[in-house]
Amino acid sequence: MPFAKKPYKPKTPRADFGTAMFPNLHQDVENALSEESIVPAWWFNHTGGDADAIKRYSTNIMGRFECRNKGCSKGGWGSKVIAIEIRRYQGNGYNAVVFKQRCRACKKLGAMRLDENSYVERVTYRIKKWAGVEMDTPEYNREKRGPPHESTLCEGCKRGRCPLSGSGGGNAYMSRWL
């Protein structure tokens, strides 16, 4: 008896929830932390969520987005304010959730390419603060200004996790470091 062919069922696109994590940058974070001899070592928590976090901190990083909607005329955009929430877990675990932005023209989520240096700098700074390292608050370089932050297009703002969402405070041209 021949096997019956299953009817063709198109694959549904993977759900995009408007966030991303970058565990591949943990080695860079670890290298930056080793300069301060922070002991014990910190590890990237791949599975930790909000409920498991013992501390959370919202700040922002920089990067670019590409609109992949074939019907949209906007190719991409840069952002100086990409929301990121750094979370601490028991046993010196951490992770960082980066919130995507939507295209101004078609409102679809953009594909993110973050500025890795700003990510590593922000995550390292926060871990050092949590580890009790005494540091001066960095000066924000005013030359890095970008267009005003558009809260309606920011997934971090929609979830109250962006430092510019109103619940997080701050302003569009200043990073939250403390």
N, C-alpha and C. Protein backbone atom coordinates (compact mmCIF):
# COMPACT_ATOMS: atom_id res chain seq x y z
N MET A 1 0.85 -1.18 0.00
CA MET A 1 0.00 0.00 0.00
C MET A 1 0.89 1.24 0.00
N PRO A 2 0.75 2.13 -0.96
CA PRO A 2 1.59 3.34 -1.02
C PRO A 2 1.18 4.34 0.07
N PHE A 3 2.19 5.09 0.48
CA PHE A 3 1.94 6.13 1.49
C PHE A 3 1.17 7.28 0.86
N ALA A 4 0.20 7.77 1.56
CA ALA A 4 -0.56 8.91 1.08
C ALA A 4 0.26 10.18 1.30
N LYS A 5 0.30 11.00 0.28
CA LYS A 5 1.00 12.27 0.42
C LYS A 5 0.19 13.21 1.28
N LYS A 6 0.91 13.91 2.14
CA LYS A 6 0.25 14.92 2.95
C LYS A 6 0.00 16.13 2.07
N PRO A 7 -1.12 16.81 2.28
CA PRO A 7 -1.36 18.02 1.49
C PRO A 7 -0.30 19.07 1.81
N TYR A 8 0.04 19.87 0.81
CA TYR A 8 1.04 20.92 1.00
C TYR A 8 0.51 21.95 1.97
N LYS A 9 1.33 22.24 2.95
CA LYS A 9 0.96 23.26 3.93
C LYS A 9 2.09 24.27 3.97
N PRO A 10 1.83 25.49 3.54
CA PRO A 10 2.91 26.48 3.56
C PRO A 10 3.40 26.74 4.98
N LYS A 11 4.70 26.93 5.10
CA LYS A 11 5.28 27.21 6.42
C LYS A 11 4.89 28.62 6.84
N THR A 12 4.53 28.72 8.09
CA THR A 12 4.21 30.03 8.61
C THR A 12 5.51 30.72 8.98
N PRO A 13 5.60 32.00 8.74
CA PRO A 13 6.84 32.70 9.10
C PRO A 13 7.05 32.68 10.61
N ARG A 14 8.32 32.62 11.00
CA ARG A 14 8.65 32.62 12.42
C ARG A 14 8.14 33.92 13.04
N ALA A 15 7.52 33.77 14.18
CA ALA A 15 7.00 34.95 14.87
C ALA A 15 8.15 35.86 15.28
N ASP A 16 7.97 37.12 15.08
CA ASP A 16 8.96 38.11 15.51
C ASP A 16 8.30 38.94 16.58
N PHE A 17 8.81 38.82 17.78
CA PHE A 17 8.17 39.48 18.91
C PHE A 17 8.74 40.85 19.21
N GLY A 18 9.55 41.38 18.31
CA GLY A 18 10.05 42.73 18.47
C GLY A 18 11.26 42.85 19.39
N THR A 19 11.87 41.72 19.75
CA THR A 19 13.05 41.75 20.61
C THR A 19 14.12 40.83 20.05
N ALA A 20 15.33 41.04 20.52
CA ALA A 20 16.45 40.17 20.14
C ALA A 20 17.44 40.13 21.29
N MET A 21 18.19 39.03 21.38
CA MET A 21 19.29 38.93 22.32
C MET A 21 20.54 38.59 21.52
N PHE A 22 21.69 38.95 22.06
CA PHE A 22 22.95 38.76 21.35
C PHE A 22 23.97 38.03 22.23
N PRO A 23 23.72 36.73 22.48
CA PRO A 23 24.66 35.97 23.32
C PRO A 23 26.06 35.86 22.68
N ASN A 24 26.13 36.04 21.37
CA ASN A 24 27.43 35.98 20.70
C ASN A 24 28.35 37.13 21.12
N LEU A 25 27.83 38.16 21.76
CA LEU A 25 28.65 39.27 22.23
C LEU A 25 29.11 39.09 23.68
N HIS A 26 28.74 37.95 24.29
CA HIS A 26 29.15 37.71 25.68
C HIS A 26 30.67 37.68 25.83
N GLN A 27 31.37 37.11 24.87
CA GLN A 27 32.84 37.06 24.97
C GLN A 27 33.43 38.46 25.02
N ASP A 28 32.88 39.37 24.23
CA ASP A 28 33.34 40.76 24.26
C ASP A 28 33.05 41.40 25.62
N VAL A 29 31.88 41.12 26.18
CA VAL A 29 31.54 41.62 27.51
C VAL A 29 32.50 41.04 28.54
N GLU A 30 32.72 39.74 28.45
CA GLU A 30 33.63 39.06 29.38
C GLU A 30 35.05 39.65 29.29
N ASN A 31 35.53 39.92 28.09
CA ASN A 31 36.85 40.52 27.91
C ASN A 31 36.92 41.90 28.55
N ALA A 32 35.88 42.70 28.38
CA ALA A 32 35.85 44.03 28.98
C ALA A 32 35.80 43.95 30.51
N LEU A 33 35.08 42.96 31.03
CA LEU A 33 35.00 42.79 32.49
C LEU A 33 36.33 42.31 33.06
N SER A 34 37.08 41.52 32.29
CA SER A 34 38.34 40.99 32.80
C SER A 34 39.37 42.09 33.04
N GLU A 35 39.20 43.22 32.37
CA GLU A 35 40.09 44.36 32.60
C GLU A 35 39.97 44.88 34.03
N GLU A 36 38.82 44.68 34.65
CA GLU A 36 38.58 45.14 36.02
C GLU A 36 38.79 44.02 37.03
N SER A 37 39.12 42.82 36.56
CA SER A 37 39.29 41.64 37.44
C SER A 37 38.06 41.40 38.29
N ILE A 38 36.90 41.45 37.66
CA ILE A 38 35.65 41.22 38.39
C ILE A 38 35.49 39.73 38.64
N VAL A 39 35.41 39.37 39.92
CA VAL A 39 35.28 37.98 40.33
C VAL A 39 34.07 37.93 41.25
N PRO A 40 33.21 36.94 41.16
CA PRO A 40 33.27 35.81 40.24
C PRO A 40 32.82 36.19 38.83
N ALA A 41 33.07 35.30 37.92
CA ALA A 41 32.75 35.55 36.51
C ALA A 41 31.24 35.65 36.32
N TRP A 42 30.84 36.39 35.30
CA TRP A 42 29.45 36.53 34.92
C TRP A 42 29.18 35.64 33.73
N TRP A 43 27.98 35.14 33.61
CA TRP A 43 27.61 34.25 32.51
C TRP A 43 26.32 34.73 31.87
N PHE A 44 26.18 34.45 30.58
CA PHE A 44 24.99 34.87 29.83
C PHE A 44 23.87 33.87 30.06
N ASN A 45 22.73 34.35 30.54
CA ASN A 45 21.56 33.52 30.81
C ASN A 45 20.68 33.51 29.56
N HIS A 46 20.71 32.42 28.82
CA HIS A 46 19.97 32.30 27.56
C HIS A 46 18.46 32.20 27.76
N THR A 47 18.04 31.67 28.90
CA THR A 47 16.64 31.35 29.08
C THR A 47 15.93 32.23 30.10
N GLY A 48 16.65 33.07 30.80
CA GLY A 48 16.04 33.87 31.86
C GLY A 48 15.06 34.89 31.31
N GLY A 49 13.97 35.06 32.02
CA GLY A 49 12.96 36.03 31.63
C GLY A 49 12.75 37.06 32.73
N ASP A 50 11.70 37.85 32.57
CA ASP A 50 11.39 38.91 33.53
C ASP A 50 11.16 38.35 34.93
N ALA A 51 10.42 37.27 35.03
CA ALA A 51 10.04 36.74 36.34
C ALA A 51 11.26 36.26 37.13
N ASP A 52 12.28 35.80 36.46
CA ASP A 52 13.47 35.27 37.13
C ASP A 52 14.48 36.35 37.50
N ALA A 53 14.37 37.52 36.92
CA ALA A 53 15.37 38.56 37.12
C ALA A 53 15.31 39.11 38.54
N ILE A 54 16.50 39.34 39.13
CA ILE A 54 16.54 39.95 40.46
C ILE A 54 16.78 41.45 40.36
N LYS A 55 17.30 41.90 39.21
CA LYS A 55 17.45 43.33 38.92
C LYS A 55 17.25 43.53 37.43
N ARG A 56 16.74 44.73 37.09
CA ARG A 56 16.57 45.10 35.68
C ARG A 56 16.99 46.54 35.51
N TYR A 57 17.53 46.84 34.34
CA TYR A 57 17.92 48.22 34.07
C TYR A 57 17.68 48.53 32.60
N SER A 58 16.96 49.61 32.33
CA SER A 58 16.69 50.04 30.96
C SER A 58 17.63 51.16 30.57
N THR A 59 18.19 51.05 29.38
CA THR A 59 19.05 52.09 28.83
C THR A 59 18.89 52.04 27.32
N ASN A 60 19.82 52.60 26.58
CA ASN A 60 19.72 52.54 25.12
C ASN A 60 21.10 52.35 24.50
N ILE A 61 21.09 51.82 23.29
CA ILE A 61 22.29 51.63 22.49
C ILE A 61 22.02 52.24 21.12
N MET A 62 22.97 52.07 20.21
CA MET A 62 22.82 52.62 18.86
C MET A 62 22.84 51.48 17.84
N GLY A 63 22.38 51.76 16.64
CA GLY A 63 22.40 50.76 15.59
C GLY A 63 21.66 51.22 14.35
N ARG A 64 21.40 50.25 13.49
CA ARG A 64 20.68 50.49 12.24
C ARG A 64 19.58 49.45 12.08
N PHE A 65 18.58 49.81 11.30
CA PHE A 65 17.50 48.89 10.96
C PHE A 65 17.32 48.88 9.46
N GLU A 66 16.93 47.73 8.95
CA GLU A 66 16.63 47.57 7.54
C GLU A 66 15.17 47.15 7.41
N CYS A 67 14.43 47.83 6.53
CA CYS A 67 13.06 47.43 6.26
C CYS A 67 13.10 46.35 5.19
N ARG A 68 12.59 45.18 5.54
CA ARG A 68 12.63 44.05 4.60
C ARG A 68 11.29 43.82 3.91
N ASN A 69 10.38 44.76 4.06
CA ASN A 69 9.10 44.70 3.37
C ASN A 69 9.34 45.07 1.91
N LYS A 70 9.17 44.12 1.03
CA LYS A 70 9.45 44.33 -0.40
C LYS A 70 8.59 45.45 -1.01
N GLY A 71 7.44 45.68 -0.43
CA GLY A 71 6.55 46.71 -0.95
C GLY A 71 6.80 48.10 -0.37
N CYS A 72 7.81 48.22 0.47
CA CYS A 72 8.08 49.50 1.13
C CYS A 72 9.25 50.20 0.44
N SER A 73 9.14 51.50 0.32
CA SER A 73 10.18 52.29 -0.35
C SER A 73 11.33 52.67 0.58
N LYS A 74 11.14 52.54 1.87
CA LYS A 74 12.19 52.92 2.83
C LYS A 74 13.17 51.75 2.97
N GLY A 75 14.42 52.01 2.71
CA GLY A 75 15.42 50.94 2.79
C GLY A 75 15.87 50.65 4.21
N GLY A 76 16.08 51.70 4.99
CA GLY A 76 16.54 51.51 6.35
C GLY A 76 16.74 52.84 7.05
N TRP A 77 17.13 52.76 8.31
CA TRP A 77 17.34 53.97 9.11
C TRP A 77 18.30 53.66 10.24
N GLY A 78 18.95 54.70 10.70
CA GLY A 78 19.83 54.59 11.85
C GLY A 78 19.12 55.11 13.08
N SER A 79 19.52 54.63 14.24
CA SER A 79 18.92 55.09 15.48
C SER A 79 19.99 55.22 16.55
N LYS A 80 19.98 56.34 17.24
CA LYS A 80 20.87 56.57 18.38
C LYS A 80 20.21 56.15 19.68
N VAL A 81 18.92 55.76 19.61
CA VAL A 81 18.18 55.37 20.80
C VAL A 81 17.43 54.07 20.53
N ILE A 82 18.12 52.96 20.75
CA ILE A 82 17.51 51.63 20.65
C ILE A 82 17.40 51.12 22.08
N ALA A 83 16.18 50.84 22.52
CA ALA A 83 15.95 50.42 23.90
C ALA A 83 16.57 49.06 24.17
N ILE A 84 17.17 48.94 25.36
CA ILE A 84 17.77 47.69 25.80
C ILE A 84 17.48 47.54 27.29
N GLU A 85 17.10 46.34 27.70
CA GLU A 85 16.92 46.06 29.12
C GLU A 85 17.93 45.01 29.53
N ILE A 86 18.77 45.38 30.49
CA ILE A 86 19.80 44.46 31.01
C ILE A 86 19.24 43.87 32.29
N ARG A 87 19.28 42.53 32.38
CA ARG A 87 18.68 41.85 33.53
C ARG A 87 19.74 41.02 34.25
N ARG A 88 19.65 41.03 35.57
CA ARG A 88 20.57 40.25 36.41
C ARG A 88 19.80 39.08 37.01
N TYR A 89 20.49 37.94 37.11
CA TYR A 89 19.91 36.72 37.68
C TYR A 89 20.79 36.20 38.80
N GLN A 90 20.24 35.30 39.59
CA GLN A 90 21.00 34.66 40.67
C GLN A 90 22.28 34.05 40.12
N GLY A 91 23.32 34.04 40.92
CA GLY A 91 24.57 33.40 40.52
C GLY A 91 25.35 34.16 39.47
N ASN A 92 25.19 35.49 39.42
CA ASN A 92 25.88 36.35 38.46
C ASN A 92 25.55 36.05 37.00
N GLY A 93 24.32 35.69 36.76
CA GLY A 93 23.85 35.56 35.38
C GLY A 93 23.29 36.88 34.91
N TYR A 94 23.32 37.10 33.62
CA TYR A 94 22.74 38.31 33.05
C TYR A 94 22.27 38.00 31.64
N ASN A 95 21.42 38.83 31.12
CA ASN A 95 21.15 38.88 29.68
C ASN A 95 20.70 40.29 29.35
N ALA A 96 20.59 40.55 28.08
CA ALA A 96 20.18 41.88 27.63
C ALA A 96 19.21 41.71 26.47
N VAL A 97 18.03 42.25 26.64
CA VAL A 97 17.00 42.19 25.62
C VAL A 97 17.01 43.52 24.87
N VAL A 98 17.16 43.45 23.56
CA VAL A 98 17.19 44.64 22.72
C VAL A 98 15.86 44.72 21.98
N PHE A 99 15.23 45.89 22.04
CA PHE A 99 13.91 46.07 21.45
C PHE A 99 14.04 46.68 20.05
N LYS A 100 13.34 46.09 19.12
CA LYS A 100 13.39 46.55 17.73
C LYS A 100 12.54 47.80 17.53
N GLN A 101 12.63 48.34 16.33
CA GLN A 101 11.82 49.50 15.95
C GLN A 101 11.07 49.17 14.66
N ARG A 102 10.01 49.91 14.43
CA ARG A 102 9.20 49.73 13.23
C ARG A 102 9.54 50.80 12.20
N CYS A 103 9.34 50.43 10.96
CA CYS A 103 9.57 51.35 9.84
C CYS A 103 8.53 52.47 9.88
N ARG A 104 8.96 53.68 9.68
CA ARG A 104 8.05 54.83 9.68
C ARG A 104 7.06 54.73 8.52
N ALA A 105 7.50 54.20 7.37
CA ALA A 105 6.65 54.16 6.18
C ALA A 105 5.60 53.05 6.22
N CYS A 106 6.00 51.82 6.58
CA CYS A 106 5.06 50.69 6.48
C CYS A 106 4.69 50.06 7.83
N LYS A 107 5.35 50.48 8.90
CA LYS A 107 5.07 50.02 10.27
C LYS A 107 5.47 48.57 10.53
N LYS A 108 6.24 47.95 9.64
CA LYS A 108 6.74 46.58 9.87
C LYS A 108 8.00 46.67 10.72
N LEU A 109 8.28 45.61 11.50
CA LEU A 109 9.50 45.57 12.30
C LEU A 109 10.72 45.56 11.39
N GLY A 110 11.71 46.34 11.75
CA GLY A 110 12.95 46.38 10.99
C GLY A 110 13.91 45.30 11.45
N ALA A 111 14.78 44.86 10.54
CA ALA A 111 15.85 43.92 10.88
C ALA A 111 16.99 44.74 11.48
N MET A 112 17.45 44.35 12.65
CA MET A 112 18.39 45.15 13.42
C MET A 112 19.84 44.75 13.17
N ARG A 113 20.69 45.78 13.10
CA ARG A 113 22.14 45.60 13.11
C ARG A 113 22.66 46.59 14.15
N LEU A 114 22.98 46.08 15.33
CA LEU A 114 23.33 46.98 16.40
C LEU A 114 24.79 47.41 16.34
N ASP A 115 25.08 48.51 16.98
CA ASP A 115 26.44 48.98 17.16
C ASP A 115 27.00 48.17 18.32
N GLU A 116 27.86 47.20 18.01
CA GLU A 116 28.34 46.26 19.01
C GLU A 116 29.11 46.97 20.12
N ASN A 117 29.85 48.02 19.78
CA ASN A 117 30.60 48.74 20.81
C ASN A 117 29.68 49.37 21.85
N SER A 118 28.57 49.98 21.40
CA SER A 118 27.66 50.60 22.36
C SER A 118 26.98 49.54 23.23
N TYR A 119 26.67 48.38 22.65
CA TYR A 119 26.08 47.27 23.41
C TYR A 119 27.04 46.81 24.50
N VAL A 120 28.27 46.50 24.11
CA VAL A 120 29.26 45.99 25.06
C VAL A 120 29.54 47.04 26.14
N GLU A 121 29.63 48.29 25.74
CA GLU A 121 29.89 49.38 26.69
C GLU A 121 28.78 49.47 27.73
N ARG A 122 27.51 49.45 27.31
CA ARG A 122 26.38 49.59 28.23
C ARG A 122 26.24 48.38 29.14
N VAL A 123 26.36 47.17 28.56
CA VAL A 123 26.20 45.96 29.37
C VAL A 123 27.35 45.85 30.38
N THR A 124 28.56 46.12 29.95
CA THR A 124 29.71 46.05 30.84
C THR A 124 29.59 47.06 31.98
N TYR A 125 29.19 48.27 31.65
CA TYR A 125 29.02 49.30 32.67
C TYR A 125 28.01 48.86 33.72
N ARG A 126 26.88 48.32 33.28
CA ARG A 126 25.83 47.91 34.22
C ARG A 126 26.32 46.77 35.11
N ILE A 127 27.00 45.78 34.53
CA ILE A 127 27.50 44.66 35.33
C ILE A 127 28.52 45.16 36.35
N LYS A 128 29.39 46.08 35.96
CA LYS A 128 30.37 46.63 36.90
C LYS A 128 29.65 47.34 38.05
N LYS A 129 28.60 48.10 37.74
CA LYS A 129 27.84 48.76 38.80
C LYS A 129 27.22 47.73 39.75
N TRP A 130 26.64 46.67 39.18
CA TRP A 130 26.04 45.63 40.02
C TRP A 130 27.10 44.90 40.84
N ALA A 131 28.32 44.82 40.33
CA ALA A 131 29.41 44.14 41.04
C ALA A 131 30.06 45.05 42.08
N GLY A 132 29.64 46.31 42.18
CA GLY A 132 30.16 47.22 43.18
C GLY A 132 31.42 47.96 42.78
N VAL A 133 31.76 47.97 41.50
CA VAL A 133 32.94 48.69 41.03
C VAL A 133 32.63 50.19 41.06
N GLU A 134 33.51 50.97 41.70
CA GLU A 134 33.36 52.42 41.75
C GLU A 134 33.75 53.01 40.40
N MET A 135 32.86 53.79 39.79
CA MET A 135 33.12 54.38 38.49
C MET A 135 32.48 55.75 38.41
N ASP A 136 33.07 56.60 37.59
CA ASP A 136 32.46 57.88 37.29
C ASP A 136 31.40 57.65 36.22
N THR A 137 30.34 58.44 36.26
CA THR A 137 29.33 58.36 35.22
C THR A 137 29.94 58.91 33.93
N PRO A 138 29.91 58.14 32.84
CA PRO A 138 30.51 58.61 31.59
C PRO A 138 29.80 59.85 31.05
N GLU A 139 30.55 60.69 30.40
CA GLU A 139 29.99 61.86 29.73
C GLU A 139 29.38 61.40 28.41
N TYR A 140 28.18 61.88 28.12
CA TYR A 140 27.55 61.55 26.85
C TYR A 140 28.05 62.52 25.79
N ASN A 141 28.45 61.99 24.67
CA ASN A 141 28.98 62.81 23.58
C ASN A 141 27.81 63.43 22.81
N ARG A 142 27.63 64.73 22.96
CA ARG A 142 26.51 65.43 22.31
C ARG A 142 26.59 65.40 20.79
N GLU A 143 27.78 65.11 20.23
CA GLU A 143 27.91 65.06 18.77
C GLU A 143 27.20 63.86 18.17
N LYS A 144 26.79 62.90 19.00
CA LYS A 144 26.15 61.69 18.51
C LYS A 144 24.64 61.83 18.43
N ARG A 145 24.15 63.05 18.40
CA ARG A 145 22.71 63.26 18.32
C ARG A 145 22.14 62.67 17.03
N GLY A 146 20.94 62.20 17.14
CA GLY A 146 20.24 61.70 15.97
C GLY A 146 18.88 62.34 15.91
N PRO A 147 18.02 61.86 15.04
CA PRO A 147 16.66 62.41 14.98
C PRO A 147 15.93 62.11 16.29
N PRO A 148 14.88 62.86 16.60
CA PRO A 148 14.13 62.60 17.83
C PRO A 148 13.60 61.16 17.88
N HIS A 149 13.54 60.62 19.07
CA HIS A 149 13.04 59.26 19.28
C HIS A 149 11.54 59.21 18.99
N GLU A 150 11.12 58.22 18.22
CA GLU A 150 9.70 58.07 17.88
C GLU A 150 9.10 56.92 18.68
N SER A 151 8.49 57.27 19.78
CA SER A 151 7.95 56.28 20.71
C SER A 151 6.93 55.34 20.07
N THR A 152 6.17 55.83 19.10
CA THR A 152 5.13 54.99 18.48
C THR A 152 5.74 53.87 17.63
N LEU A 153 7.01 54.00 17.27
CA LEU A 153 7.67 52.98 16.44
C LEU A 153 8.62 52.09 17.25
N CYS A 154 8.78 52.36 18.54
CA CYS A 154 9.73 51.67 19.41
C CYS A 154 9.03 50.58 20.21
N GLU A 155 9.47 49.33 20.04
CA GLU A 155 8.88 48.22 20.79
C GLU A 155 9.17 48.34 22.28
N GLY A 156 10.29 48.94 22.65
CA GLY A 156 10.60 49.16 24.05
C GLY A 156 9.63 50.13 24.70
N CYS A 157 9.28 51.19 23.98
CA CYS A 157 8.30 52.16 24.50
C CYS A 157 6.94 51.51 24.69
N LYS A 158 6.54 50.69 23.71
CA LYS A 158 5.23 50.04 23.79
C LYS A 158 5.11 49.15 25.02
N ARG A 159 6.26 48.61 25.48
CA ARG A 159 6.26 47.70 26.63
C ARG A 159 6.71 48.39 27.91
N GLY A 160 6.94 49.69 27.85
CA GLY A 160 7.37 50.42 29.03
C GLY A 160 8.79 50.09 29.45
N ARG A 161 9.62 49.63 28.52
CA ARG A 161 10.99 49.22 28.83
C ARG A 161 12.03 50.15 28.24
N CYS A 162 11.61 51.16 27.53
CA CYS A 162 12.54 52.13 26.94
C CYS A 162 12.74 53.26 27.94
N PRO A 163 13.99 53.72 28.12
CA PRO A 163 14.19 54.82 29.05
C PRO A 163 13.48 56.11 28.62
N LEU A 164 13.00 56.15 27.39
CA LEU A 164 12.31 57.34 26.90
C LEU A 164 10.80 57.16 26.83
N SER A 165 10.29 56.06 27.36
CA SER A 165 8.86 55.75 27.22
C SER A 165 7.96 56.53 28.16
N GLY A 166 8.53 57.33 29.02
CA GLY A 166 7.70 58.03 30.00
C GLY A 166 7.82 57.36 31.34
N SER A 167 7.71 56.02 31.37
CA SER A 167 7.86 55.31 32.64
C SER A 167 9.33 55.15 32.99
N GLY A 168 10.21 55.23 31.97
CA GLY A 168 11.63 55.05 32.22
C GLY A 168 12.39 56.35 32.41
N GLY A 169 11.81 57.49 32.04
CA GLY A 169 12.46 58.77 32.21
C GLY A 169 13.48 59.04 31.11
N GLY A 170 14.30 60.04 31.31
CA GLY A 170 15.35 60.37 30.34
C GLY A 170 14.83 61.28 29.24
N ASN A 171 15.71 61.59 28.29
CA ASN A 171 15.27 62.34 27.12
C ASN A 171 15.95 61.77 25.89
N ALA A 172 15.55 62.18 24.73
CA ALA A 172 15.97 61.54 23.49
C ALA A 172 17.46 61.70 23.19
N TYR A 173 18.15 62.60 23.86
CA TYR A 173 19.55 62.80 23.54
C TYR A 173 20.49 62.43 24.67
N MET A 174 19.97 61.75 25.68
CA MET A 174 20.82 61.42 26.83
C MET A 174 20.63 59.95 27.19
N SER A 175 21.73 59.24 27.37
CA SER A 175 21.67 57.84 27.79
C SER A 175 21.44 57.76 29.29
N ARG A 176 20.80 56.73 29.73
CA ARG A 176 20.66 56.45 31.16
C ARG A 176 21.78 55.52 31.55
N TRP A 177 22.66 55.98 32.38
CA TRP A 177 23.79 55.15 32.81
C TRP A 177 23.66 54.65 34.22
N LEU A 178 23.01 55.36 35.10
CA LEU A 178 23.02 55.01 36.52
C LEU A 178 22.20 53.80 36.85
